[in-house]
Amino acid sequence: MPASPSTARAINDRLALRLLQQQGSLTAGQLKQLTGLSRPTVADLVERLTDAGLIAVVGEAGEQRRGPNAKLYGIVAGRAHLAALDVRTEGVSVIVSDLVGSVLAEASAPIGGDAGTGPAVEQAVALVERVVKEAGADRLHTVGIGAPGLIDPASGELRDSTGLPEWHRSLVAALQERLPEARVIVENETNLAALAEQRDGVAADRDTFVLLWLGHGTGAAVVLDGALRRGASGGTGEIGFLPVPGTTGLPSAVDCEGGFHSLAGSAAIVELARSFGLPVEDPSAPEPLAAGVVGRAVALVAGNTEAADRDAQAASADRFLDTLADHLAVGAASVVAILDPGCVVLGGEVGQAGGEALAARVEDRVRRMSPLATVVRPSGLGGAAVLRGALLTARDAAQDELFAPRDR
């Protein structure tokens, strides 16, 4: 049964908006070529979208010819403003963008564990409000939040998790109260990192892959056939609880100590480095301490340092990276044996710091442990992937609403 005229118009409008979002400003002639629609149909949709305030003339095509140049149309970026938050145990980062994703303002702030729930929430909300003001936004349309812990798949809310600050859960409610017109979306930080790597990072050529998050803690995100998998309770990828050899015990339902976290968490990596005599810097550094340790070890092995005892340190760093790869391969090979993803991304700050040097070592061990061909890649975005994924989520949600087919 053919679509009604109103449905056909709505479909055409959405197609044109998606093309403008993906490719930037276009002329009516370019829209005609890309959509395959007739010239009168394109003229009608341009008029409708202009009247709706979704697109506007942003310039002229640069063709040198007699007569007027063709008008260039683009999405009205200021039609909606978005915010993205990366909520960590030790602080919050915020960015505010326009509808097409251009960042207008950003800031980060540490939040101490002894601040108390109320003051911590107020500090985080005040940061969001300050960044919104700096961006020149009157209000927010959608807010995307990345946080550690489980997200209830039914309610979309952050579940109470042992070991995580109480202010995390309170922050979501506070933002919704202070920003009543905004839609607030919460997602697990590792899932958002995987979304960012899939759209803008090292997994852009993969429909199926697993991202192994290596930051302060550990986690995994599973993308199968292009779709993020969350599981029945939202817990897909809680790899920190995976029982593994080489630890002093077993994890429990409320504590991942004794699981993979005990081999691959930031504290475990730092202790491993100390056992090889590698220097460990000030733990007050803003990035996970392990990321700095791993980055320096890679530099030592590559010969990119000028330490007096560089050769001795390089040998220790080489052994450290080998042992760390042994540890990471235990978790990666377990995931590979179950899911056969074909690709494992070493994400987070630690994965990015390890680069190709660490990824190649992990890949070699996984291939020796599993008959399933698997490539291992270092993150292209590191810890910034969470904010990027939160922004992509907010932008997609806002555009889905604003670009939704409607009867005009």
Protein backbone atom coordinates (compact mmCIF):
# COMPACT_ATOMS: atom_id res chain seq x y z
CA MET A 1 0.00 0.00 0.00
CA PRO A 2 1.56 3.33 -1.05
CA ALA A 3 2.27 5.94 1.63
CA SER A 4 -0.18 8.79 2.05
CA PRO A 5 0.96 12.22 0.78
CA SER A 6 1.51 13.46 4.36
CA THR A 7 3.58 10.39 5.28
CA ALA A 8 5.65 10.70 2.10
CA ARG A 9 6.34 14.36 2.90
CA ALA A 10 7.42 13.50 6.43
CA ILE A 11 9.76 10.76 5.20
CA ASN A 12 11.30 13.11 2.64
CA ASP A 13 11.79 15.83 5.25
CA ARG A 14 13.55 13.45 7.62
CA LEU A 15 15.80 12.17 4.82
CA ALA A 16 16.83 15.71 3.90
CA LEU A 17 17.53 16.62 7.52
CA ARG A 18 19.69 13.55 8.02
CA LEU A 19 21.71 14.42 4.91
CA LEU A 20 22.22 17.97 6.15
CA GLN A 21 23.30 16.63 9.54
CA GLN A 22 25.76 14.16 8.04
CA GLN A 23 27.22 16.25 5.21
CA GLY A 24 26.77 19.85 6.28
CA SER A 25 25.21 22.60 4.20
CA LEU A 26 23.80 21.63 0.79
CA THR A 27 22.08 23.33 -2.11
CA ALA A 28 18.63 22.33 -3.27
CA GLY A 29 20.28 20.81 -6.33
CA GLN A 30 22.57 18.69 -4.16
CA LEU A 31 19.59 17.57 -2.07
CA LYS A 32 17.82 16.58 -5.29
CA GLN A 33 20.83 14.54 -6.39
CA LEU A 34 21.36 12.84 -3.02
CA THR A 35 17.69 12.05 -2.33
CA GLY A 36 16.64 11.16 -5.86
CA LEU A 37 13.55 13.36 -5.44
CA SER A 38 12.17 15.63 -8.12
CA ARG A 39 13.00 19.33 -8.21
CA PRO A 40 9.44 20.43 -7.20
CA THR A 41 9.43 17.93 -4.30
CA VAL A 42 12.77 19.24 -3.02
CA ALA A 43 11.55 22.83 -3.34
CA ASP A 44 8.47 21.98 -1.28
CA LEU A 45 10.44 20.24 1.49
CA VAL A 46 12.95 23.11 1.68
CA GLU A 47 10.05 25.52 2.14
CA ARG A 48 8.44 23.34 4.81
CA LEU A 49 11.67 22.86 6.80
CA THR A 50 12.47 26.57 6.56
CA ASP A 51 9.01 27.53 7.79
CA ALA A 52 9.40 25.04 10.67
CA GLY A 53 12.66 26.73 11.73
CA LEU A 54 14.72 23.58 11.20
CA ILE A 55 16.86 24.81 8.30
CA ALA A 56 17.95 28.20 7.01
CA VAL A 57 20.06 29.74 4.27
CA VAL A 58 23.66 29.72 5.51
CA GLY A 59 25.46 30.98 2.41
CA GLU A 60 25.85 30.51 -1.31
CA ALA A 61 27.55 27.86 -3.39
CA GLY A 62 30.95 28.99 -4.59
CA GLU A 63 30.29 28.32 -8.27
CA GLN A 64 31.57 31.08 -10.51
CA ARG A 65 28.93 31.74 -13.13
CA ARG A 66 26.63 34.42 -14.40
CA GLY A 67 23.59 35.11 -12.31
CA PRO A 68 23.00 34.38 -8.64
CA ASN A 69 24.73 31.47 -6.95
CA ALA A 70 22.66 28.64 -5.50
CA LYS A 71 21.63 29.03 -1.87
CA LEU A 72 23.21 26.75 0.70
CA TYR A 73 20.88 25.35 3.34
CA GLY A 74 21.95 24.12 6.74
CA ILE A 75 20.37 22.91 9.97
CA VAL A 76 19.60 25.70 12.43
CA ALA A 77 22.19 24.66 15.00
CA GLY A 78 20.81 26.95 17.70
CA ARG A 79 17.36 25.38 17.52
CA ALA A 80 18.35 23.22 20.50
CA HIS A 81 21.20 23.06 22.99
CA LEU A 82 22.54 19.84 24.48
CA ALA A 83 24.70 18.91 27.44
CA ALA A 84 26.88 15.89 28.08
CA LEU A 85 28.27 14.84 31.46
CA ASP A 86 31.00 12.37 32.36
CA VAL A 87 30.38 11.53 36.01
CA ARG A 88 33.36 9.89 37.68
CA THR A 89 33.98 8.83 41.25
CA GLU A 90 36.29 11.80 41.73
CA GLY A 91 34.58 14.52 39.66
CA VAL A 92 32.43 15.67 36.75
CA SER A 93 33.16 16.94 33.23
CA VAL A 94 30.54 18.87 31.24
CA ILE A 95 30.21 20.05 27.65
CA VAL A 96 27.39 22.02 26.04
CA SER A 97 26.83 21.92 22.29
CA ASP A 98 24.37 23.03 19.66
CA LEU A 99 22.04 20.73 17.73
CA VAL A 100 24.70 19.62 15.24
CA GLY A 101 27.20 18.77 17.97
CA SER A 102 29.55 21.77 17.88
CA VAL A 103 30.95 22.29 21.39
CA LEU A 104 30.16 25.76 22.74
CA ALA A 105 31.57 25.50 26.28
CA GLU A 106 33.13 22.90 28.55
CA ALA A 107 34.54 22.53 32.05
CA SER A 108 35.53 19.94 34.66
CA ALA A 109 35.58 20.00 38.45
CA PRO A 110 36.87 17.58 41.09
CA ILE A 111 34.42 16.45 43.74
CA GLY A 112 35.99 15.05 46.88
CA GLY A 113 34.69 11.88 48.45
CA ASP A 114 34.23 13.68 51.76
CA ALA A 115 32.05 16.43 50.34
CA GLY A 116 28.78 14.79 51.36
CA THR A 117 25.86 13.97 49.06
CA GLY A 118 24.11 17.34 49.18
CA PRO A 119 27.18 19.55 48.66
CA ALA A 120 28.53 17.20 45.97
CA VAL A 121 25.28 17.31 44.01
CA GLU A 122 25.07 21.10 44.34
CA GLN A 123 28.65 21.45 43.12
CA ALA A 124 27.94 19.28 40.07
CA VAL A 125 24.67 21.03 39.19
CA ALA A 126 26.28 24.45 39.61
CA LEU A 127 29.01 23.38 37.17
CA VAL A 128 26.38 22.39 34.60
CA GLU A 129 24.54 25.69 35.02
CA ARG A 130 27.78 27.65 34.66
CA VAL A 131 28.75 25.86 31.44
CA VAL A 132 25.23 26.38 30.03
CA LYS A 133 25.54 30.11 30.75
CA GLU A 134 29.00 30.28 29.17
CA ALA A 135 27.60 28.57 26.07
CA GLY A 136 24.96 31.27 25.76
CA ALA A 137 22.13 28.73 25.92
CA ASP A 138 18.74 29.79 27.26
CA ARG A 139 17.79 26.21 28.08
CA LEU A 140 18.80 22.63 27.40
CA HIS A 141 16.80 20.32 25.21
CA THR A 142 18.54 17.05 26.15
CA VAL A 143 21.19 16.03 28.67
CA GLY A 144 23.26 12.86 28.20
CA ILE A 145 25.01 11.46 31.28
CA GLY A 146 27.69 8.79 31.43
CA ALA A 147 28.23 7.21 34.84
CA PRO A 148 29.79 4.06 36.28
CA GLY A 149 27.40 1.41 37.54
CA LEU A 150 24.31 -0.38 36.27
CA ILE A 151 21.47 1.32 34.41
CA ASP A 152 18.04 -0.23 34.96
CA PRO A 153 16.85 -1.17 31.44
CA ALA A 154 13.19 -0.73 32.44
CA SER A 155 13.38 2.70 34.11
CA GLY A 156 16.58 4.03 32.55
CA GLU A 157 17.76 5.06 36.01
CA LEU A 158 21.13 4.54 37.64
CA ARG A 159 20.86 1.66 40.11
CA ASP A 160 22.27 1.80 43.62
CA SER A 161 25.76 0.29 43.46
CA THR A 162 28.05 -0.61 46.32
CA GLY A 163 31.33 1.29 46.15
CA LEU A 164 30.00 4.23 44.12
CA PRO A 165 29.20 7.63 45.66
CA GLU A 166 25.57 8.22 46.62
CA TRP A 167 25.66 11.62 44.93
CA HIS A 168 25.77 9.91 41.53
CA ARG A 169 22.15 8.77 41.82
CA SER A 170 21.04 12.00 43.48
CA LEU A 171 22.60 14.08 40.70
CA VAL A 172 20.21 12.76 38.06
CA ALA A 173 17.13 13.73 40.09
CA ALA A 174 18.62 17.12 40.91
CA LEU A 175 19.34 17.90 37.26
CA GLN A 176 15.83 16.91 36.27
CA GLU A 177 14.44 19.22 38.97
CA ARG A 178 16.65 22.17 38.06
CA LEU A 179 16.22 21.63 34.31
CA PRO A 180 12.52 20.66 34.08
CA GLU A 181 12.27 21.26 30.33
CA ALA A 182 15.25 19.04 29.51
CA ARG A 183 15.16 15.34 28.77
CA VAL A 184 17.80 13.58 30.90
CA ILE A 185 19.29 10.30 29.62
CA VAL A 186 21.65 8.18 31.74
CA GLU A 187 23.90 5.48 30.30
CA ASN A 188 26.77 3.37 31.60
CA GLU A 189 30.10 5.06 30.88
CA THR A 190 31.59 2.04 29.12
CA ASN A 191 28.59 1.73 26.82
CA LEU A 192 28.96 5.38 25.84
CA ALA A 193 32.67 4.90 25.19
CA ALA A 194 31.83 2.02 22.84
CA LEU A 195 29.27 4.17 21.01
CA ALA A 196 31.89 6.88 20.51
CA GLU A 197 34.51 4.40 19.27
CA GLN A 198 31.95 2.92 16.88
CA ARG A 199 30.92 6.29 15.45
CA ASP A 200 34.14 8.30 15.60
CA GLY A 201 36.92 5.97 16.74
CA VAL A 202 38.80 2.78 16.03
CA ALA A 203 35.70 0.57 15.70
CA ALA A 204 34.09 2.59 12.91
CA ASP A 205 34.60 -0.32 10.51
CA ARG A 206 33.09 -2.91 12.88
CA ASP A 207 29.46 -3.94 13.40
CA THR A 208 30.53 -6.37 16.12
CA PHE A 209 33.19 -5.68 18.75
CA VAL A 210 33.84 -5.53 22.49
CA LEU A 211 35.31 -2.52 24.26
CA LEU A 212 37.33 -3.40 27.36
CA TRP A 213 37.27 -0.35 29.61
CA LEU A 214 40.53 0.28 31.47
CA GLY A 215 40.38 3.32 33.72
CA HIS A 216 40.09 3.60 37.48
CA GLY A 217 37.98 0.44 37.26
CA THR A 218 37.21 -2.13 34.59
CA GLY A 219 34.20 -2.85 32.43
CA ALA A 220 33.20 -4.02 29.00
CA ALA A 221 30.69 -2.94 26.38
CA VAL A 222 29.30 -5.39 23.84
CA VAL A 223 28.19 -4.32 20.35
CA LEU A 224 26.70 -7.12 18.25
CA ASP A 225 25.49 -6.58 14.69
CA GLY A 226 25.62 -2.83 15.20
CA ALA A 227 23.52 -2.81 18.38
CA LEU A 228 24.65 -2.20 21.94
CA ARG A 229 23.67 -5.12 24.19
CA ARG A 230 22.73 -4.31 27.78
CA GLY A 231 21.41 -7.64 29.11
CA ALA A 232 18.33 -8.50 31.15
CA SER A 233 19.32 -6.35 34.12
CA GLY A 234 21.58 -3.85 32.36
CA GLY A 235 24.69 -5.68 33.51
CA THR A 236 26.23 -6.91 30.28
CA GLY A 237 29.95 -6.21 30.48
CA GLU A 238 30.45 -6.21 34.26
CA ILE A 239 33.74 -7.95 33.61
CA GLY A 240 35.29 -6.71 36.86
CA PHE A 241 33.33 -9.50 38.60
CA LEU A 242 34.68 -12.21 36.27
CA PRO A 243 36.43 -14.90 38.38
CA VAL A 244 39.96 -15.28 37.04
CA PRO A 245 43.17 -17.05 38.06
CA GLY A 246 45.93 -15.04 39.64
CA THR A 247 43.89 -13.36 42.37
CA THR A 248 43.68 -14.08 46.09
CA GLY A 249 40.01 -15.04 46.19
CA LEU A 250 36.66 -14.80 44.46
CA PRO A 251 34.44 -11.78 43.84
CA SER A 252 31.12 -11.44 45.64
CA ALA A 253 27.78 -9.96 44.61
CA VAL A 254 28.78 -6.66 46.21
CA ASP A 255 32.55 -6.58 45.71
CA CYS A 256 34.59 -7.27 42.57
CA GLU A 257 37.84 -7.71 44.49
CA GLY A 258 39.13 -11.15 43.54
CA GLY A 259 37.70 -10.81 40.04
CA PHE A 260 39.22 -9.41 36.85
CA HIS A 261 39.19 -5.97 38.50
CA SER A 262 41.95 -7.23 40.82
CA LEU A 263 44.18 -7.82 37.78
CA ALA A 264 43.27 -4.89 35.55
CA GLY A 265 41.98 -2.04 37.74
CA SER A 266 44.11 1.08 38.11
CA ALA A 267 45.31 0.18 41.61
CA ALA A 268 46.35 -3.30 40.46
CA ILE A 269 48.30 -1.89 37.50
CA VAL A 270 50.11 0.59 39.72
CA GLU A 271 51.09 -2.14 42.17
CA LEU A 272 52.30 -4.29 39.28
CA ALA A 273 54.50 -1.43 38.07
CA ARG A 274 55.96 -0.98 41.55
CA SER A 275 56.79 -4.68 41.67
CA PHE A 276 58.99 -4.16 38.59
CA GLY A 277 60.69 -1.15 40.15
CA LEU A 278 59.05 1.39 37.83
CA PRO A 279 58.51 4.92 39.15
CA VAL A 280 54.97 5.87 40.12
CA GLU A 281 54.01 9.53 40.13
CA ASP A 282 51.74 11.58 42.40
CA PRO A 283 48.37 9.83 42.79
CA SER A 284 46.62 13.24 42.79
CA ALA A 285 47.04 13.35 38.99
CA PRO A 286 43.69 13.97 37.21
CA GLU A 287 43.94 10.88 34.99
CA PRO A 288 43.95 7.35 36.43
CA LEU A 289 47.42 6.87 37.88
CA ALA A 290 47.74 3.65 35.92
CA ALA A 291 47.48 5.53 32.62
CA GLY A 292 50.58 7.56 33.41
CA VAL A 293 52.46 4.44 34.53
CA VAL A 294 51.58 2.56 31.35
CA GLY A 295 52.37 5.54 29.12
CA ARG A 296 55.83 5.94 30.66
CA ALA A 297 56.52 2.22 30.31
CA VAL A 298 55.65 2.36 26.61
CA ALA A 299 57.92 5.38 26.16
CA LEU A 300 60.79 3.60 27.94
CA VAL A 301 60.49 0.52 25.73
CA ALA A 302 60.34 2.70 22.62
CA GLY A 303 63.48 4.56 23.71
CA ASN A 304 61.70 7.91 24.01
CA THR A 305 63.23 8.87 27.35
CA GLU A 306 66.56 10.26 28.52
CA ALA A 307 66.84 8.63 31.97
CA ALA A 308 70.41 7.86 33.07
CA ASP A 309 69.54 4.21 33.65
CA ARG A 310 67.22 4.02 30.66
CA ASP A 311 68.36 0.57 29.53
CA ALA A 312 67.67 -1.00 32.92
CA GLN A 313 64.33 0.79 33.22
CA ALA A 314 63.42 -0.19 29.66
CA ALA A 315 64.00 -3.86 30.47
CA SER A 316 61.78 -3.56 33.55
CA ALA A 317 59.14 -1.69 31.56
CA ASP A 318 59.19 -4.41 28.90
CA ARG A 319 58.59 -7.12 31.50
CA PHE A 320 55.88 -5.00 33.11
CA LEU A 321 54.03 -4.60 29.79
CA ASP A 322 54.34 -8.33 29.11
CA THR A 323 52.85 -9.18 32.49
CA LEU A 324 50.11 -6.58 32.14
CA ALA A 325 49.25 -8.06 28.74
CA ASP A 326 49.05 -11.50 30.38
CA HIS A 327 46.53 -10.11 32.86
CA LEU A 328 44.44 -8.27 30.27
CA ALA A 329 44.40 -11.27 27.95
CA VAL A 330 42.70 -13.37 30.64
CA GLY A 331 39.65 -11.10 30.50
CA ALA A 332 39.80 -10.49 26.76
CA ALA A 333 40.10 -14.20 25.91
CA SER A 334 37.12 -15.00 28.15
CA VAL A 335 34.99 -12.50 26.24
CA VAL A 336 36.26 -13.78 22.90
CA ALA A 337 35.44 -17.40 23.78
CA ILE A 338 31.81 -16.49 24.55
CA LEU A 339 31.01 -13.80 21.96
CA ASP A 340 33.54 -14.21 19.11
CA PRO A 341 33.49 -10.43 18.47
CA GLY A 342 36.42 -10.43 16.07
CA CYS A 343 37.68 -7.18 17.60
CA VAL A 344 38.52 -6.07 21.14
CA VAL A 345 39.18 -2.39 21.81
CA LEU A 346 41.33 -1.52 24.82
CA GLY A 347 39.42 1.54 25.96
CA GLY A 348 39.73 4.18 28.63
CA GLU A 349 42.78 6.17 29.61
CA VAL A 350 44.90 3.07 30.19
CA GLY A 351 44.04 1.53 26.82
CA GLN A 352 44.92 4.76 25.05
CA ALA A 353 48.16 5.14 27.01
CA GLY A 354 49.21 1.58 26.13
CA GLY A 355 48.68 2.25 22.44
CA GLU A 356 49.72 -0.25 19.81
CA ALA A 357 52.54 -1.54 22.01
CA LEU A 358 50.16 -2.94 24.63
CA ALA A 359 47.40 -3.88 22.16
CA ALA A 360 49.80 -5.99 20.08
CA ARG A 361 50.94 -7.90 23.16
CA VAL A 362 47.37 -8.60 24.24
CA GLU A 363 46.41 -9.68 20.72
CA ASP A 364 49.34 -12.11 20.57
CA ARG A 365 48.24 -13.73 23.84
CA VAL A 366 44.56 -13.90 22.90
CA ARG A 367 45.45 -15.61 19.63
CA ARG A 368 47.47 -18.18 21.53
CA MET A 369 44.59 -18.76 23.98
CA SER A 370 41.71 -18.89 21.48
CA PRO A 371 41.12 -20.40 18.03
CA LEU A 372 38.85 -17.45 17.17
CA ALA A 373 40.62 -14.82 15.07
CA THR A 374 40.58 -11.54 17.01
CA VAL A 375 42.24 -8.19 16.48
CA VAL A 376 43.00 -5.99 19.48
CA ARG A 377 43.09 -2.23 19.00
CA PRO A 378 43.97 0.63 21.36
CA SER A 379 41.33 3.27 21.98
CA GLY A 380 41.38 6.23 19.66
CA LEU A 381 39.51 8.43 22.13
CA GLY A 382 40.61 7.27 25.59
CA GLY A 383 38.72 8.72 28.54
CA ALA A 384 37.22 11.43 26.31
CA ALA A 385 35.10 8.72 24.70
CA VAL A 386 32.57 8.88 27.55
CA LEU A 387 31.81 12.57 27.01
CA ARG A 388 31.75 12.05 23.25
CA GLY A 389 29.34 9.14 23.60
CA ALA A 390 27.11 11.12 25.99
CA LEU A 391 26.96 13.98 23.51
CA LEU A 392 26.17 11.66 20.61
CA THR A 393 23.37 10.10 22.67
CA ALA A 394 21.91 13.51 23.55
CA ARG A 395 22.19 14.71 19.95
CA ASP A 396 20.55 11.59 18.53
CA ALA A 397 17.66 11.86 21.00
CA ALA A 398 17.11 15.55 20.28
CA GLN A 399 17.26 15.09 16.53
CA ASP A 400 14.91 12.11 16.68
CA GLU A 401 12.34 14.33 18.37
CA LEU A 402 12.87 17.48 16.33
CA PHE A 403 13.22 15.67 13.01
CA ALA A 404 10.35 13.26 13.73
CA PRO A 405 7.93 12.76 10.85
CA ARG A 406 4.91 14.96 11.33
CA ASP A 407 1.92 16.00 9.31
CA ARG A 408 2.55 19.47 7.89
